[in-house]
């Protein structure tokens, strides 16, 4: 899916001026994403610790993964030849997803088995609502730019940002159910949803560097042999 989309969108060669503009846009959106997610992670982890919320802690960890993912893409596009760093960037993104999934699953299971119970968190509910507004726009902008540029890592990073939107929705619902109805299990269920998304996207990012068409060919720098 990811590779096919990139191939389709990048069949036409890009002139150097347009390519440089797109690379600058990637760096810009990555910078905004990093800044927002650092703030989001601090708030979510703090509120999650206070409320013993597996979902909030998972959301905060996902924000950290988002930062690592964005940093990997930023690192890639600081090179004179970003395509040469594509494989490494994708590996970093994938491993960050897997680490998140493992931790969140363990923490959610501890909550479900009664080791800890989640409490109400107004801060968490507000944070989830804000993320539902911010994240889709950032994801759309980076994905559109990455597809035109032919960058699998930029597209993978944009999907991670989009996942944050889905996870914000899951977190929002889970926290509301726990607050309004006292369903503590809903908090853990939301955390497991986050873990499932992380595994799926980690696998896709890991396979992203196995594209049979080199990124240099996608951007028109050379032809496929």
C-alpha atoms as a PDB file:
ATOM      1  CA  UNK A   1       0.000   0.000   0.000  1.00  0.00           C
ATOM      2  CA  UNK A   2       2.641   2.483   1.068  1.00  0.00           C
ATOM      3  CA  UNK A   3       5.063   1.564  -1.697  1.00  0.00           C
ATOM      4  CA  UNK A   4       2.391   1.494  -4.372  1.00  0.00           C
ATOM      5  CA  UNK A   5       1.148   4.929  -3.397  1.00  0.00           C
ATOM      6  CA  UNK A   6       4.627   6.380  -3.483  1.00  0.00           C
ATOM      7  CA  UNK A   7       5.381   4.821  -6.852  1.00  0.00           C
ATOM      8  CA  UNK A   8       2.142   6.110  -8.366  1.00  0.00           C
ATOM      9  CA  UNK A   9       2.567   9.653  -7.107  1.00  0.00           C
ATOM     10  CA  UNK A  10       6.212   9.999  -8.083  1.00  0.00           C
ATOM     11  CA  UNK A  11       6.275   8.656 -11.625  1.00  0.00           C
ATOM     12  CA  UNK A  12       6.975  12.076 -13.111  1.00  0.00           C
ATOM     13  CA  UNK A  13      10.476  13.507 -12.707  1.00  0.00           C
ATOM     14  CA  UNK A  14      10.891  16.507 -10.438  1.00  0.00           C
ATOM     15  CA  UNK A  15      12.965  19.503 -11.447  1.00  0.00           C
ATOM     16  CA  UNK A  16      15.654  20.550  -8.901  1.00  0.00           C
ATOM     17  CA  UNK A  17      13.823  23.719  -7.826  1.00  0.00           C
ATOM     18  CA  UNK A  18      10.593  21.881  -7.062  1.00  0.00           C
ATOM     19  CA  UNK A  19      12.465  19.092  -5.318  1.00  0.00           C
ATOM     20  CA  UNK A  20      14.304  21.535  -3.040  1.00  0.00           C
ATOM     21  CA  UNK A  21      11.009  23.242  -2.174  1.00  0.00           C
ATOM     22  CA  UNK A  22       9.409  19.937  -1.245  1.00  0.00           C
ATOM     23  CA  UNK A  23      12.383  18.990   0.911  1.00  0.00           C
ATOM     24  CA  UNK A  24      12.123  22.317   2.757  1.00  0.00           C
ATOM     25  CA  UNK A  25       8.422  21.665   3.330  1.00  0.00           C
ATOM     26  CA  UNK A  26       9.233  18.253   4.790  1.00  0.00           C
ATOM     27  CA  UNK A  27      11.724  19.822   7.197  1.00  0.00           C
ATOM     28  CA  UNK A  28       9.145  22.460   8.208  1.00  0.00           C
ATOM     29  CA  UNK A  29       6.294  20.073   8.954  1.00  0.00           C
ATOM     30  CA  UNK A  30       8.680  17.721  10.750  1.00  0.00           C
ATOM     31  CA  UNK A  31       9.819  20.595  12.970  1.00  0.00           C
ATOM     32  CA  UNK A  32       6.241  21.519  13.855  1.00  0.00           C
ATOM     33  CA  UNK A  33       5.389  17.874  14.516  1.00  0.00           C
ATOM     34  CA  UNK A  34       8.363  17.428  16.832  1.00  0.00           C
ATOM     35  CA  UNK A  35       7.515  20.551  18.832  1.00  0.00           C
ATOM     36  CA  UNK A  36       3.847  19.639  19.249  1.00  0.00           C
ATOM     37  CA  UNK A  37       4.561  16.049  20.218  1.00  0.00           C
ATOM     38  CA  UNK A  38       7.170  16.952  22.822  1.00  0.00           C
ATOM     39  CA  UNK A  39       4.539  19.112  24.534  1.00  0.00           C
ATOM     40  CA  UNK A  40       1.896  16.412  24.064  1.00  0.00           C
ATOM     41  CA  UNK A  41       4.150  13.702  25.511  1.00  0.00           C
ATOM     42  CA  UNK A  42       4.967  15.737  28.629  1.00  0.00           C
ATOM     43  CA  UNK A  43       1.287  16.461  29.317  1.00  0.00           C
ATOM     44  CA  UNK A  44       0.066  12.920  28.571  1.00  0.00           C
ATOM     45  CA  UNK A  45       2.732  11.149  30.617  1.00  0.00           C
ATOM     46  CA  UNK A  46       2.238  13.515  33.549  1.00  0.00           C
ATOM     47  CA  UNK A  47      -1.546  13.221  33.514  1.00  0.00           C
ATOM     48  CA  UNK A  48      -1.333   9.471  32.904  1.00  0.00           C
ATOM     49  CA  UNK A  49       0.903   8.950  35.914  1.00  0.00           C
ATOM     50  CA  UNK A  50      -1.426  10.954  38.156  1.00  0.00           C
ATOM     51  CA  UNK A  51      -4.540   9.074  36.958  1.00  0.00           C
ATOM     52  CA  UNK A  52      -2.809   5.664  36.591  1.00  0.00           C
ATOM     53  CA  UNK A  53      -4.192   5.663  33.039  1.00  0.00           C
ATOM     54  CA  UNK A  54      -2.665   3.050  30.719  1.00  0.00           C
ATOM     55  CA  UNK A  55      -4.274   4.784  27.743  1.00  0.00           C
ATOM     56  CA  UNK A  56      -2.839   8.204  28.611  1.00  0.00           C
ATOM     57  CA  UNK A  57       0.614   6.769  29.256  1.00  0.00           C
ATOM     58  CA  UNK A  58       0.396   4.884  25.968  1.00  0.00           C
ATOM     59  CA  UNK A  59      -0.630   8.070  24.217  1.00  0.00           C
ATOM     60  CA  UNK A  60       2.329   9.896  25.732  1.00  0.00           C
ATOM     61  CA  UNK A  61       4.701   7.155  24.614  1.00  0.00           C
ATOM     62  CA  UNK A  62       3.177   7.297  21.149  1.00  0.00           C
ATOM     63  CA  UNK A  63       4.014  11.004  21.118  1.00  0.00           C
ATOM     64  CA  UNK A  64       7.619  10.113  21.909  1.00  0.00           C
ATOM     65  CA  UNK A  65       7.602   7.618  19.037  1.00  0.00           C
ATOM     66  CA  UNK A  66       6.189  10.370  16.860  1.00  0.00           C
ATOM     67  CA  UNK A  67       9.129  12.563  17.819  1.00  0.00           C
ATOM     68  CA  UNK A  68      11.635   9.791  17.059  1.00  0.00           C
ATOM     69  CA  UNK A  69       9.947   9.185  13.724  1.00  0.00           C
ATOM     70  CA  UNK A  70      10.011  12.869  12.840  1.00  0.00           C
ATOM     71  CA  UNK A  71      13.641  13.203  13.947  1.00  0.00           C
ATOM     72  CA  UNK A  72      14.567  10.267  11.717  1.00  0.00           C
ATOM     73  CA  UNK A  73      12.973  11.982   8.723  1.00  0.00           C
ATOM     74  CA  UNK A  74      14.549  15.320   9.654  1.00  0.00           C
ATOM     75  CA  UNK A  75      17.947  13.613   9.853  1.00  0.00           C
ATOM     76  CA  UNK A  76      17.359  12.044   6.455  1.00  0.00           C
ATOM     77  CA  UNK A  77      16.569  15.373   4.805  1.00  0.00           C
ATOM     78  CA  UNK A  78      19.607  17.159   6.235  1.00  0.00           C
ATOM     79  CA  UNK A  79      21.776  15.089   3.891  1.00  0.00           C
ATOM     80  CA  UNK A  80      22.736  16.208   0.411  1.00  0.00           C
ATOM     81  CA  UNK A  81      21.394  12.841  -0.789  1.00  0.00           C
ATOM     82  CA  UNK A  82      18.297  12.098   1.364  1.00  0.00           C
ATOM     83  CA  UNK A  83      17.507   8.947  -0.637  1.00  0.00           C
ATOM     84  CA  UNK A  84      20.689   7.361   0.690  1.00  0.00           C
ATOM     85  CA  UNK A  85      19.347   7.534   4.237  1.00  0.00           C
ATOM     86  CA  UNK A  86      15.883   6.188   3.378  1.00  0.00           C
ATOM     87  CA  UNK A  87      16.482   2.642   4.641  1.00  0.00           C
ATOM     88  CA  UNK A  88      17.875   3.718   8.007  1.00  0.00           C
ATOM     89  CA  UNK A  89      15.074   6.229   8.609  1.00  0.00           C
ATOM     90  CA  UNK A  90      12.430   3.583   7.914  1.00  0.00           C
ATOM     91  CA  UNK A  91      14.123   1.098  10.258  1.00  0.00           C
ATOM     92  CA  UNK A  92      14.165   3.643  13.084  1.00  0.00           C
ATOM     93  CA  UNK A  93      10.471   4.408  12.564  1.00  0.00           C
ATOM     94  CA  UNK A  94       9.566   0.698  12.559  1.00  0.00           C
ATOM     95  CA  UNK A  95      11.580  -0.166  15.681  1.00  0.00           C
ATOM     96  CA  UNK A  96      10.033   2.756  17.548  1.00  0.00           C
ATOM     97  CA  UNK A  97       6.567   1.405  16.695  1.00  0.00           C
ATOM     98  CA  UNK A  98       7.441  -2.081  17.951  1.00  0.00           C
ATOM     99  CA  UNK A  99       8.894  -0.797  21.223  1.00  0.00           C
ATOM    100  CA  UNK A 100       5.739   1.225  21.824  1.00  0.00           C
ATOM    101  CA  UNK A 101       3.498  -1.781  21.150  1.00  0.00           C
ATOM    102  CA  UNK A 102       5.362  -4.016  23.606  1.00  0.00           C
ATOM    103  CA  UNK A 103       5.319  -1.529  26.464  1.00  0.00           C
ATOM    104  CA  UNK A 104       1.707  -0.481  25.976  1.00  0.00           C
ATOM    105  CA  UNK A 105       0.456  -4.074  25.797  1.00  0.00           C
ATOM    106  CA  UNK A 106       2.155  -5.019  29.052  1.00  0.00           C
ATOM    107  CA  UNK A 107       0.878  -1.897  30.816  1.00  0.00           C
ATOM    108  CA  UNK A 108      -2.694  -2.410  29.555  1.00  0.00           C
ATOM    109  CA  UNK A 109      -2.708  -6.050  30.670  1.00  0.00           C
ATOM    110  CA  UNK A 110      -1.556  -5.008  34.140  1.00  0.00           C
ATOM    111  CA  UNK A 111      -4.515  -2.639  34.305  1.00  0.00           C
ATOM    112  CA  UNK A 112      -6.985  -5.250  33.053  1.00  0.00           C
ATOM    113  CA  UNK A 113      -5.813  -7.762  35.651  1.00  0.00           C
ATOM    114  CA  UNK A 114      -6.428  -5.292  38.461  1.00  0.00           C
ATOM    115  CA  UNK A 115      -2.831  -4.410  39.315  1.00  0.00           C
ATOM    116  CA  UNK A 116      -3.803  -0.754  38.888  1.00  0.00           C
ATOM    117  CA  UNK A 117      -7.010   1.127  38.104  1.00  0.00           C
ATOM    118  CA  UNK A 118      -7.419   4.224  35.962  1.00  0.00           C
ATOM    119  CA  UNK A 119      -8.988   7.363  37.420  1.00  0.00           C
ATOM    120  CA  UNK A 120     -10.745  10.346  35.830  1.00  0.00           C
ATOM    121  CA  UNK A 121      -8.497  12.771  33.916  1.00  0.00           C
ATOM    122  CA  UNK A 122      -9.913  16.064  32.637  1.00  0.00           C
ATOM    123  CA  UNK A 123      -6.482  17.027  31.315  1.00  0.00           C
ATOM    124  CA  UNK A 124      -6.342  13.831  29.281  1.00  0.00           C
ATOM    125  CA  UNK A 125      -9.760  14.409  27.742  1.00  0.00           C
ATOM    126  CA  UNK A 126      -8.840  17.953  26.699  1.00  0.00           C
ATOM    127  CA  UNK A 127      -5.495  16.794  25.297  1.00  0.00           C
ATOM    128  CA  UNK A 128      -7.175  14.101  23.205  1.00  0.00           C
ATOM    129  CA  UNK A 129      -9.666  16.622  21.812  1.00  0.00           C
ATOM    130  CA  UNK A 130      -6.911  19.077  20.828  1.00  0.00           C
ATOM    131  CA  UNK A 131      -4.911  16.343  19.097  1.00  0.00           C
ATOM    132  CA  UNK A 132      -7.999  15.361  17.108  1.00  0.00           C
ATOM    133  CA  UNK A 133      -7.933  18.854  15.615  1.00  0.00           C
ATOM    134  CA  UNK A 134      -4.176  19.315  15.094  1.00  0.00           C
ATOM    135  CA  UNK A 135      -2.881  15.949  13.890  1.00  0.00           C
ATOM    136  CA  UNK A 136      -4.973  15.348  10.729  1.00  0.00           C
ATOM    137  CA  UNK A 137      -3.758  18.620   9.191  1.00  0.00           C
ATOM    138  CA  UNK A 138      -0.090  17.886   9.864  1.00  0.00           C
ATOM    139  CA  UNK A 139      -0.455  14.372   8.471  1.00  0.00           C
ATOM    140  CA  UNK A 140      -2.177  15.550   5.285  1.00  0.00           C
ATOM    141  CA  UNK A 141       0.477  18.169   4.562  1.00  0.00           C
ATOM    142  CA  UNK A 142       3.431  15.803   5.055  1.00  0.00           C
ATOM    143  CA  UNK A 143       1.818  12.930   3.166  1.00  0.00           C
ATOM    144  CA  UNK A 144       0.968  15.109   0.181  1.00  0.00           C
ATOM    145  CA  UNK A 145       4.502  16.492   0.069  1.00  0.00           C
ATOM    146  CA  UNK A 146       6.115  13.083   0.609  1.00  0.00           C
ATOM    147  CA  UNK A 147       4.098  11.460  -2.169  1.00  0.00           C
ATOM    148  CA  UNK A 148       5.093  14.139  -4.669  1.00  0.00           C
ATOM    149  CA  UNK A 149       8.715  13.900  -3.582  1.00  0.00           C
ATOM    150  CA  UNK A 150       8.675  10.104  -3.724  1.00  0.00           C
ATOM    151  CA  UNK A 151       9.874   9.660  -0.137  1.00  0.00           C
ATOM    152  CA  UNK A 152       8.710   6.470   1.561  1.00  0.00           C
ATOM    153  CA  UNK A 153      10.006   7.632   4.948  1.00  0.00           C
ATOM    154  CA  UNK A 154       8.108  10.938   4.767  1.00  0.00           C
ATOM    155  CA  UNK A 155       4.911   9.068   3.879  1.00  0.00           C
ATOM    156  CA  UNK A 156       5.546   6.594   6.713  1.00  0.00           C
ATOM    157  CA  UNK A 157       6.042   9.475   9.136  1.00  0.00           C
ATOM    158  CA  UNK A 158       2.822  11.130   7.927  1.00  0.00           C
ATOM    159  CA  UNK A 159       0.948   7.889   8.602  1.00  0.00           C
ATOM    160  CA  UNK A 160       2.361   7.845  12.114  1.00  0.00           C
ATOM    161  CA  UNK A 161       0.963  11.352  12.563  1.00  0.00           C
ATOM    162  CA  UNK A 162      -2.408  10.194  11.222  1.00  0.00           C
ATOM    163  CA  UNK A 163      -2.345   7.290  13.650  1.00  0.00           C
ATOM    164  CA  UNK A 164      -2.087   9.873  16.415  1.00  0.00           C
ATOM    165  CA  UNK A 165      -5.472  11.167  15.248  1.00  0.00           C
ATOM    166  CA  UNK A 166      -7.011   7.694  15.484  1.00  0.00           C
ATOM    167  CA  UNK A 167      -5.399   7.159  18.848  1.00  0.00           C
ATOM    168  CA  UNK A 168      -6.673  10.532  20.042  1.00  0.00           C
ATOM    169  CA  UNK A 169     -10.187   9.342  19.209  1.00  0.00           C
ATOM    170  CA  UNK A 170      -9.641   6.026  21.022  1.00  0.00           C
ATOM    171  CA  UNK A 171      -8.171   7.843  24.007  1.00  0.00           C
ATOM    172  CA  UNK A 172     -11.013  10.364  24.066  1.00  0.00           C
ATOM    173  CA  UNK A 173     -13.677   7.647  24.065  1.00  0.00           C
ATOM    174  CA  UNK A 174     -11.838   5.519  26.624  1.00  0.00           C
ATOM    175  CA  UNK A 175     -11.327   8.378  29.049  1.00  0.00           C
ATOM    176  CA  UNK A 176     -14.938   9.534  28.684  1.00  0.00           C
ATOM    177  CA  UNK A 177     -16.328   6.063  29.349  1.00  0.00           C
ATOM    178  CA  UNK A 178     -14.137   5.732  32.400  1.00  0.00           C
ATOM    179  CA  UNK A 179     -15.095   9.187  33.700  1.00  0.00           C
ATOM    180  CA  UNK A 180     -18.824   9.082  32.965  1.00  0.00           C
ATOM    181  CA  UNK A 181     -19.630   5.405  33.497  1.00  0.00           C
ATOM    182  CA  UNK A 182     -16.765   4.191  35.643  1.00  0.00           C
ATOM    183  CA  UNK A 183     -15.646   1.674  33.007  1.00  0.00           C
ATOM    184  CA  UNK A 184     -11.964   1.405  33.927  1.00  0.00           C
ATOM    185  CA  UNK A 185     -11.526  -1.400  31.399  1.00  0.00           C
ATOM    186  CA  UNK A 186     -12.298   1.078  28.602  1.00  0.00           C
ATOM    187  CA  UNK A 187      -9.035   2.851  29.408  1.00  0.00           C
ATOM    188  CA  UNK A 188      -7.052  -0.374  28.973  1.00  0.00           C
ATOM    189  CA  UNK A 189      -8.950  -1.237  25.813  1.00  0.00           C
ATOM    190  CA  UNK A 190      -8.011   2.130  24.323  1.00  0.00           C
ATOM    191  CA  UNK A 191      -4.372   1.399  25.165  1.00  0.00           C
ATOM    192  CA  UNK A 192      -4.540  -1.963  23.377  1.00  0.00           C
ATOM    193  CA  UNK A 193      -6.006  -0.248  20.306  1.00  0.00           C
ATOM    194  CA  UNK A 194      -2.952   1.994  20.299  1.00  0.00           C
ATOM    195  CA  UNK A 195      -0.670  -1.045  20.535  1.00  0.00           C
ATOM    196  CA  UNK A 196      -2.432  -2.785  17.624  1.00  0.00           C
ATOM    197  CA  UNK A 197      -2.045   0.265  15.392  1.00  0.00           C
ATOM    198  CA  UNK A 198       1.620   0.513  16.349  1.00  0.00           C
ATOM    199  CA  UNK A 199       2.329  -3.083  15.309  1.00  0.00           C
ATOM    200  CA  UNK A 200       0.585  -2.673  11.955  1.00  0.00           C
ATOM    201  CA  UNK A 201       2.334   0.529  11.053  1.00  0.00           C
ATOM    202  CA  UNK A 202       5.672  -0.747  12.316  1.00  0.00           C
ATOM    203  CA  UNK A 203       5.449  -3.702   9.960  1.00  0.00           C
ATOM    204  CA  UNK A 204       4.556  -1.449   7.045  1.00  0.00           C
ATOM    205  CA  UNK A 205       7.429   0.929   7.759  1.00  0.00           C
ATOM    206  CA  UNK A 206       9.819  -2.024   8.077  1.00  0.00           C
ATOM    207  CA  UNK A 207       8.793  -3.298   4.640  1.00  0.00           C
ATOM    208  CA  UNK A 208       8.961   0.177   3.112  1.00  0.00           C
ATOM    209  CA  UNK A 209      12.651  -0.107   2.284  1.00  0.00           C
ATOM    210  CA  UNK A 210      12.079  -3.294   0.292  1.00  0.00           C
ATOM    211  CA  UNK A 211      10.631  -1.396  -2.640  1.00  0.00           C
ATOM    212  CA  UNK A 212      11.833  -2.869  -5.904  1.00  0.00           C
ATOM    213  CA  UNK A 213      11.932   0.620  -7.435  1.00  0.00           C
ATOM    214  CA  UNK A 214      14.752   2.734  -5.924  1.00  0.00           C
ATOM    215  CA  UNK A 215      13.791   6.115  -4.485  1.00  0.00           C
ATOM    216  CA  UNK A 216      16.225   7.772  -6.900  1.00  0.00           C
ATOM    217  CA  UNK A 217      14.191   6.326  -9.756  1.00  0.00           C
ATOM    218  CA  UNK A 218      10.937   7.500  -8.216  1.00  0.00           C
ATOM    219  CA  UNK A 219      12.202  11.074  -8.108  1.00  0.00           C
ATOM    220  CA  UNK A 220      13.470  10.927 -11.659  1.00  0.00           C
ATOM    221  CA  UNK A 221      17.183  11.022 -10.837  1.00  0.00           C
ATOM    222  CA  UNK A 222      17.874   7.816 -12.690  1.00  0.00           C
ATOM    223  CA  UNK A 223      15.998   5.120 -14.560  1.00  0.00           C
ATOM    224  CA  UNK A 224      15.210   1.636 -13.290  1.00  0.00           C
ATOM    225  CA  UNK A 225      17.643  -0.989 -14.553  1.00  0.00           C
END
